[in-house]
Amino acid sequence: MKRYYARVTGRVQGVGFRYRTVMYAQEMGVTGWVRNLDNGDVELEVQGELQKLELFFSAIKESNFFVRVEGITKEEKPIKEQEKGFRVEY
């Protein structure tokens, strides 16, 4: 089990990126949150089994035609034992 804070850069706001991120997280059974930043980036925290996290990050990189992920920076964080689900934060 791992948890990461990640910042995603590129064309990731106004293109449904957060909601697709929630969809991918639910499909892969990982928990956490995602939100837009004022500078046009998106930040998120995600936790789960390492293999599921790798699939999750691959999926959000590809996402859809409108999204263009230019970079993802990750930093490992402490696990949140009681966390359930994955949500959009505002």
Protein backbone atom coordinates (compact mmCIF):
# COMPACT_ATOMS: atom_id res chain seq x y z
CA MET A 1 0.00 0.00 0.00
CA LYS A 2 1.31 3.44 -1.01
CA ARG A 3 0.00 6.99 -1.04
CA TYR A 4 1.15 9.75 -3.36
CA TYR A 5 0.60 13.46 -3.69
CA ALA A 6 0.80 14.35 -7.39
CA ARG A 7 0.69 17.53 -9.45
CA VAL A 8 -0.47 17.21 -13.06
CA THR A 9 0.47 19.85 -15.65
CA GLY A 10 -0.78 20.46 -19.17
CA ARG A 11 -4.29 20.98 -20.54
CA VAL A 12 -6.05 19.50 -17.51
CA GLN A 13 -8.69 22.09 -16.58
CA GLY A 14 -11.98 22.66 -18.36
CA VAL A 15 -11.71 19.30 -20.17
CA GLY A 16 -13.33 16.88 -17.68
CA PHE A 17 -10.01 15.71 -16.25
CA ARG A 18 -11.08 15.64 -12.59
CA TYR A 19 -14.22 13.62 -13.29
CA ARG A 20 -12.36 11.13 -15.47
CA THR A 21 -9.78 10.85 -12.68
CA VAL A 22 -12.57 9.90 -10.26
CA MET A 23 -13.87 7.34 -12.77
CA TYR A 24 -10.42 5.75 -13.17
CA ALA A 25 -9.89 5.70 -9.39
CA GLN A 26 -13.21 3.93 -8.87
CA GLU A 27 -12.44 1.41 -11.62
CA MET A 28 -9.05 0.62 -10.08
CA GLY A 29 -10.17 0.62 -6.46
CA VAL A 30 -7.90 3.40 -5.20
CA THR A 31 -8.84 6.17 -2.77
CA GLY A 32 -8.05 9.87 -2.46
CA TRP A 33 -9.04 13.22 -3.93
CA VAL A 34 -8.41 15.57 -6.87
CA ARG A 35 -8.76 19.36 -7.27
CA ASN A 36 -7.90 22.23 -9.61
CA LEU A 37 -5.22 24.76 -8.72
CA ASP A 38 -5.37 28.46 -9.55
CA ASN A 39 -2.37 28.20 -11.92
CA GLY A 40 -4.09 25.70 -14.28
CA ASP A 41 -2.54 22.55 -12.80
CA VAL A 42 -4.43 19.79 -11.00
CA GLU A 43 -3.31 18.23 -7.73
CA LEU A 44 -4.36 14.94 -6.22
CA GLU A 45 -3.63 12.42 -3.52
CA VAL A 46 -4.16 8.76 -4.27
CA GLN A 47 -3.54 5.58 -2.32
CA GLY A 48 -3.77 1.88 -3.01
CA GLU A 49 -1.80 -1.16 -3.99
CA LEU A 50 1.26 -0.29 -6.10
CA GLN A 51 0.07 -2.16 -9.20
CA LYS A 52 -3.30 -0.36 -9.08
CA LEU A 53 -1.56 3.00 -8.65
CA GLU A 54 0.63 2.36 -11.69
CA LEU A 55 -2.49 1.58 -13.76
CA PHE A 56 -4.21 4.69 -12.39
CA PHE A 57 -1.33 7.00 -13.34
CA SER A 58 -1.14 5.43 -16.81
CA ALA A 59 -4.87 5.95 -17.30
CA ILE A 60 -4.87 9.62 -16.30
CA LYS A 61 -1.93 10.29 -18.63
CA GLU A 62 -3.94 9.01 -21.60
CA SER A 63 -7.41 10.17 -20.43
CA ASN A 64 -9.22 11.53 -23.53
CA PHE A 65 -8.75 13.55 -26.71
CA PHE A 66 -9.23 16.91 -24.98
CA VAL A 67 -6.78 16.28 -22.13
CA ARG A 68 -3.05 16.76 -22.68
CA VAL A 69 -0.94 15.74 -19.69
CA GLU A 70 2.51 17.27 -20.02
CA GLY A 71 3.87 16.08 -16.68
CA ILE A 72 3.12 14.38 -13.40
CA THR A 73 5.29 14.93 -10.34
CA LYS A 74 4.77 12.56 -7.41
CA GLU A 75 5.75 12.60 -3.76
CA GLU A 76 5.13 9.73 -1.38
CA LYS A 77 2.90 10.53 1.62
CA PRO A 78 1.79 8.66 4.76
CA ILE A 79 -1.12 6.23 4.33
CA LYS A 80 -4.57 7.34 5.55
CA GLU A 81 -5.97 4.14 7.05
CA GLN A 82 -9.63 5.16 7.27
CA GLU A 83 -9.98 6.77 3.85
CA LYS A 84 -12.84 5.54 1.70
CA GLY A 85 -13.58 6.45 -1.92
CA PHE A 86 -12.15 9.04 -4.27
CA ARG A 87 -13.67 12.50 -4.59
CA VAL A 88 -13.36 15.88 -6.28
CA GLU A 89 -12.43 18.63 -3.83
CA TYR A 90 -13.10 22.32 -4.38
